[in-house]
Amino acid sequence: MSAVVADPRAERLANLWSRLSAQHVTLGAGCGCMVGGVSVSLEDFELDIADYLWAEGERQGQTAVVAWLLQPGPIEQQVKPG
């Protein structure tokens, strides 16, 4: 990942997501490589994860996080919460 991140925890999570999104998700009797079961990738869950983070940010009163999640455009062009 080439983006500069101010918080090392955010960088660690971004790197983790990058690694996980390249792997299979096991459902049923097989994995995403179509050996059996249902085929999905972590990309299928991205909107669910974003919705969860948005809802949790609102629930916990984290207005800077909510504002950042709702910014349009690529992450590297978004204004980071201060």
N, C-alpha and C. Protein backbone atom coordinates (compact mmCIF):
# COMPACT_ATOMS: atom_id res chain seq x y z
N MET A 1 0.85 -1.18 0.00
CA MET A 1 0.00 0.00 0.00
C MET A 1 0.89 1.23 0.00
N SER A 2 0.65 2.17 -0.89
CA SER A 2 1.55 3.30 -1.06
C SER A 2 1.07 4.58 -0.40
N ALA A 3 -0.15 4.62 0.13
CA ALA A 3 -0.67 5.84 0.75
C ALA A 3 0.02 6.08 2.08
N VAL A 4 0.27 7.37 2.39
CA VAL A 4 0.85 7.74 3.66
C VAL A 4 -0.28 7.86 4.67
N VAL A 5 -0.12 7.17 5.81
CA VAL A 5 -1.17 7.13 6.82
C VAL A 5 -0.62 7.72 8.11
N ALA A 6 -1.37 8.64 8.72
CA ALA A 6 -0.92 9.32 9.93
C ALA A 6 -0.94 8.40 11.15
N ASP A 7 -1.90 7.51 11.24
CA ASP A 7 -2.06 6.64 12.40
C ASP A 7 -1.56 5.25 12.04
N PRO A 8 -0.55 4.72 12.76
CA PRO A 8 -0.03 3.40 12.42
C PRO A 8 -1.07 2.29 12.54
N ARG A 9 -2.08 2.47 13.40
CA ARG A 9 -3.14 1.46 13.51
C ARG A 9 -3.94 1.41 12.22
N ALA A 10 -4.20 2.56 11.62
CA ALA A 10 -4.94 2.60 10.36
C ALA A 10 -4.12 1.95 9.25
N GLU A 11 -2.82 2.20 9.24
CA GLU A 11 -1.97 1.58 8.23
C GLU A 11 -1.95 0.06 8.38
N ARG A 12 -1.90 -0.41 9.63
CA ARG A 12 -1.91 -1.86 9.88
C ARG A 12 -3.22 -2.47 9.40
N LEU A 13 -4.35 -1.80 9.68
CA LEU A 13 -5.64 -2.32 9.23
C LEU A 13 -5.76 -2.29 7.71
N ALA A 14 -5.24 -1.23 7.07
CA ALA A 14 -5.28 -1.16 5.61
C ALA A 14 -4.45 -2.27 4.99
N ASN A 15 -3.29 -2.54 5.56
CA ASN A 15 -2.45 -3.63 5.04
C ASN A 15 -3.11 -4.99 5.26
N LEU A 16 -3.74 -5.16 6.43
CA LEU A 16 -4.45 -6.40 6.70
C LEU A 16 -5.58 -6.60 5.71
N TRP A 17 -6.36 -5.55 5.46
CA TRP A 17 -7.46 -5.65 4.50
C TRP A 17 -6.93 -5.99 3.11
N SER A 18 -5.83 -5.39 2.72
CA SER A 18 -5.24 -5.67 1.41
C SER A 18 -4.86 -7.14 1.29
N ARG A 19 -4.24 -7.70 2.34
CA ARG A 19 -3.87 -9.12 2.31
C ARG A 19 -5.10 -10.01 2.30
N LEU A 20 -6.07 -9.71 3.17
CA LEU A 20 -7.27 -10.55 3.26
C LEU A 20 -8.09 -10.52 1.97
N SER A 21 -8.16 -9.36 1.34
CA SER A 21 -9.00 -9.25 0.14
C SER A 21 -8.46 -10.06 -1.03
N ALA A 22 -7.20 -10.47 -0.95
CA ALA A 22 -6.61 -11.28 -2.01
C ALA A 22 -6.82 -12.78 -1.76
N GLN A 23 -7.43 -13.13 -0.63
CA GLN A 23 -7.60 -14.54 -0.26
C GLN A 23 -9.03 -15.00 -0.46
N HIS A 24 -9.24 -16.28 -0.24
CA HIS A 24 -10.55 -16.89 -0.35
C HIS A 24 -11.34 -16.74 0.94
N VAL A 25 -12.64 -16.78 0.83
CA VAL A 25 -13.53 -16.84 1.99
C VAL A 25 -14.25 -18.17 1.90
N THR A 26 -14.13 -18.98 2.93
CA THR A 26 -14.74 -20.30 2.92
C THR A 26 -16.20 -20.22 3.33
N LEU A 27 -17.05 -20.78 2.51
CA LEU A 27 -18.48 -20.91 2.81
C LEU A 27 -18.90 -22.31 2.42
N GLY A 28 -19.65 -22.95 3.24
CA GLY A 28 -20.12 -24.29 2.91
C GLY A 28 -18.99 -25.29 2.93
N ALA A 29 -18.93 -26.12 1.90
CA ALA A 29 -17.97 -27.21 1.87
C ALA A 29 -16.70 -26.87 1.11
N GLY A 30 -16.57 -25.64 0.61
CA GLY A 30 -15.39 -25.32 -0.17
C GLY A 30 -14.93 -23.90 0.04
N CYS A 31 -14.09 -23.43 -0.84
CA CYS A 31 -13.59 -22.07 -0.75
C CYS A 31 -13.88 -21.32 -2.04
N GLY A 32 -13.44 -20.09 -2.12
CA GLY A 32 -13.70 -19.24 -3.28
C GLY A 32 -13.02 -19.68 -4.55
N CYS A 33 -12.19 -20.70 -4.49
CA CYS A 33 -11.52 -21.16 -5.71
C CYS A 33 -12.41 -22.11 -6.51
N MET A 34 -13.67 -22.27 -6.09
CA MET A 34 -14.69 -23.06 -6.80
C MET A 34 -14.47 -24.56 -6.70
N VAL A 35 -13.75 -25.02 -5.68
CA VAL A 35 -13.59 -26.46 -5.48
C VAL A 35 -14.88 -27.04 -4.93
N GLY A 36 -15.78 -26.21 -4.47
CA GLY A 36 -17.06 -26.65 -3.94
C GLY A 36 -17.64 -25.55 -3.08
N GLY A 37 -18.91 -25.65 -2.72
CA GLY A 37 -19.51 -24.63 -1.87
C GLY A 37 -19.84 -23.37 -2.66
N VAL A 38 -19.89 -22.26 -1.97
CA VAL A 38 -20.26 -20.97 -2.56
C VAL A 38 -19.02 -20.12 -2.75
N SER A 39 -18.92 -19.42 -3.86
CA SER A 39 -17.76 -18.59 -4.15
C SER A 39 -18.03 -17.12 -3.82
N VAL A 40 -17.24 -16.57 -2.92
CA VAL A 40 -17.31 -15.15 -2.59
C VAL A 40 -15.90 -14.64 -2.35
N SER A 41 -15.73 -13.33 -2.41
CA SER A 41 -14.47 -12.70 -2.03
C SER A 41 -14.78 -11.63 -1.00
N LEU A 42 -13.75 -11.12 -0.36
CA LEU A 42 -13.99 -10.08 0.64
C LEU A 42 -14.55 -8.81 0.02
N GLU A 43 -14.35 -8.61 -1.27
CA GLU A 43 -14.95 -7.45 -1.94
C GLU A 43 -16.47 -7.47 -1.81
N ASP A 44 -17.04 -8.68 -1.71
CA ASP A 44 -18.48 -8.81 -1.55
C ASP A 44 -18.96 -8.24 -0.22
N PHE A 45 -18.07 -8.10 0.74
CA PHE A 45 -18.43 -7.62 2.07
C PHE A 45 -18.07 -6.16 2.32
N GLU A 46 -17.40 -5.50 1.37
CA GLU A 46 -16.90 -4.14 1.61
C GLU A 46 -18.00 -3.16 2.00
N LEU A 47 -19.14 -3.19 1.32
CA LEU A 47 -20.22 -2.26 1.67
C LEU A 47 -20.80 -2.57 3.04
N ASP A 48 -20.90 -3.85 3.38
CA ASP A 48 -21.39 -4.22 4.71
C ASP A 48 -20.44 -3.72 5.80
N ILE A 49 -19.15 -3.84 5.56
CA ILE A 49 -18.16 -3.38 6.53
C ILE A 49 -18.22 -1.86 6.65
N ALA A 50 -18.31 -1.17 5.51
CA ALA A 50 -18.40 0.29 5.54
C ALA A 50 -19.67 0.74 6.26
N ASP A 51 -20.79 0.07 6.01
CA ASP A 51 -22.04 0.41 6.70
C ASP A 51 -21.90 0.19 8.21
N TYR A 52 -21.24 -0.89 8.60
CA TYR A 52 -21.03 -1.16 10.01
C TYR A 52 -20.19 -0.06 10.66
N LEU A 53 -19.08 0.31 10.00
CA LEU A 53 -18.22 1.36 10.55
C LEU A 53 -18.96 2.68 10.65
N TRP A 54 -19.77 3.00 9.67
CA TRP A 54 -20.57 4.22 9.67
C TRP A 54 -21.54 4.21 10.85
N ALA A 55 -22.28 3.12 11.01
CA ALA A 55 -23.25 3.01 12.10
C ALA A 55 -22.57 3.08 13.47
N GLU A 56 -21.44 2.39 13.62
CA GLU A 56 -20.72 2.42 14.89
C GLU A 56 -20.15 3.81 15.17
N GLY A 57 -19.66 4.48 14.14
CA GLY A 57 -19.16 5.84 14.31
C GLY A 57 -20.26 6.77 14.81
N GLU A 58 -21.45 6.64 14.22
CA GLU A 58 -22.58 7.46 14.67
C GLU A 58 -23.00 7.08 16.08
N ARG A 59 -23.06 5.80 16.37
CA ARG A 59 -23.48 5.34 17.70
C ARG A 59 -22.54 5.83 18.79
N GLN A 60 -21.25 5.87 18.49
CA GLN A 60 -20.25 6.28 19.47
C GLN A 60 -19.95 7.77 19.43
N GLY A 61 -20.66 8.51 18.57
CA GLY A 61 -20.45 9.95 18.50
C GLY A 61 -19.14 10.37 17.86
N GLN A 62 -18.58 9.53 17.01
CA GLN A 62 -17.32 9.82 16.34
C GLN A 62 -17.59 10.59 15.05
N THR A 63 -17.91 11.87 15.17
CA THR A 63 -18.31 12.66 14.01
C THR A 63 -17.20 12.78 12.96
N ALA A 64 -15.94 12.83 13.39
CA ALA A 64 -14.84 12.93 12.43
C ALA A 64 -14.74 11.65 11.60
N VAL A 65 -14.97 10.50 12.22
CA VAL A 65 -14.92 9.23 11.50
C VAL A 65 -16.07 9.15 10.50
N VAL A 66 -17.27 9.53 10.94
CA VAL A 66 -18.44 9.50 10.06
C VAL A 66 -18.21 10.43 8.87
N ALA A 67 -17.72 11.63 9.12
CA ALA A 67 -17.47 12.59 8.04
C ALA A 67 -16.45 12.03 7.06
N TRP A 68 -15.41 11.38 7.56
CA TRP A 68 -14.38 10.82 6.69
C TRP A 68 -14.95 9.68 5.85
N LEU A 69 -15.77 8.81 6.46
CA LEU A 69 -16.36 7.70 5.72
C LEU A 69 -17.29 8.18 4.61
N LEU A 70 -17.92 9.33 4.79
CA LEU A 70 -18.88 9.82 3.81
C LEU A 70 -18.26 10.68 2.71
N GLN A 71 -16.95 10.94 2.79
CA GLN A 71 -16.29 11.73 1.75
C GLN A 71 -16.24 10.94 0.44
N PRO A 72 -16.54 11.60 -0.67
CA PRO A 72 -16.45 10.92 -1.96
C PRO A 72 -15.00 10.87 -2.45
N GLY A 73 -14.74 9.96 -3.35
CA GLY A 73 -13.45 9.91 -4.01
C GLY A 73 -12.48 8.93 -3.38
N PRO A 74 -11.33 8.76 -4.02
CA PRO A 74 -10.30 7.83 -3.53
C PRO A 74 -9.79 8.25 -2.15
N ILE A 75 -9.43 7.28 -1.34
CA ILE A 75 -8.97 7.55 0.03
C ILE A 75 -7.79 8.51 0.04
N GLU A 76 -6.85 8.33 -0.88
CA GLU A 76 -5.65 9.17 -0.86
C GLU A 76 -5.96 10.64 -1.14
N GLN A 77 -7.13 10.95 -1.66
CA GLN A 77 -7.52 12.34 -1.93
C GLN A 77 -8.42 12.92 -0.84
N GLN A 78 -8.81 12.09 0.14
CA GLN A 78 -9.71 12.56 1.18
C GLN A 78 -8.94 13.30 2.28
N VAL A 79 -9.61 14.24 2.91
CA VAL A 79 -9.04 14.99 4.02
C VAL A 79 -9.12 14.10 5.26
N LYS A 80 -7.96 13.89 5.91
CA LYS A 80 -7.90 13.02 7.08
C LYS A 80 -8.44 13.76 8.31
N PRO A 81 -9.15 13.06 9.20
CA PRO A 81 -9.63 13.69 10.45
C PRO A 81 -8.45 14.17 11.26
N GLY A 82 -8.60 15.32 11.89
CA GLY A 82 -7.48 15.90 12.65
C GLY A 82 -7.56 15.82 14.08
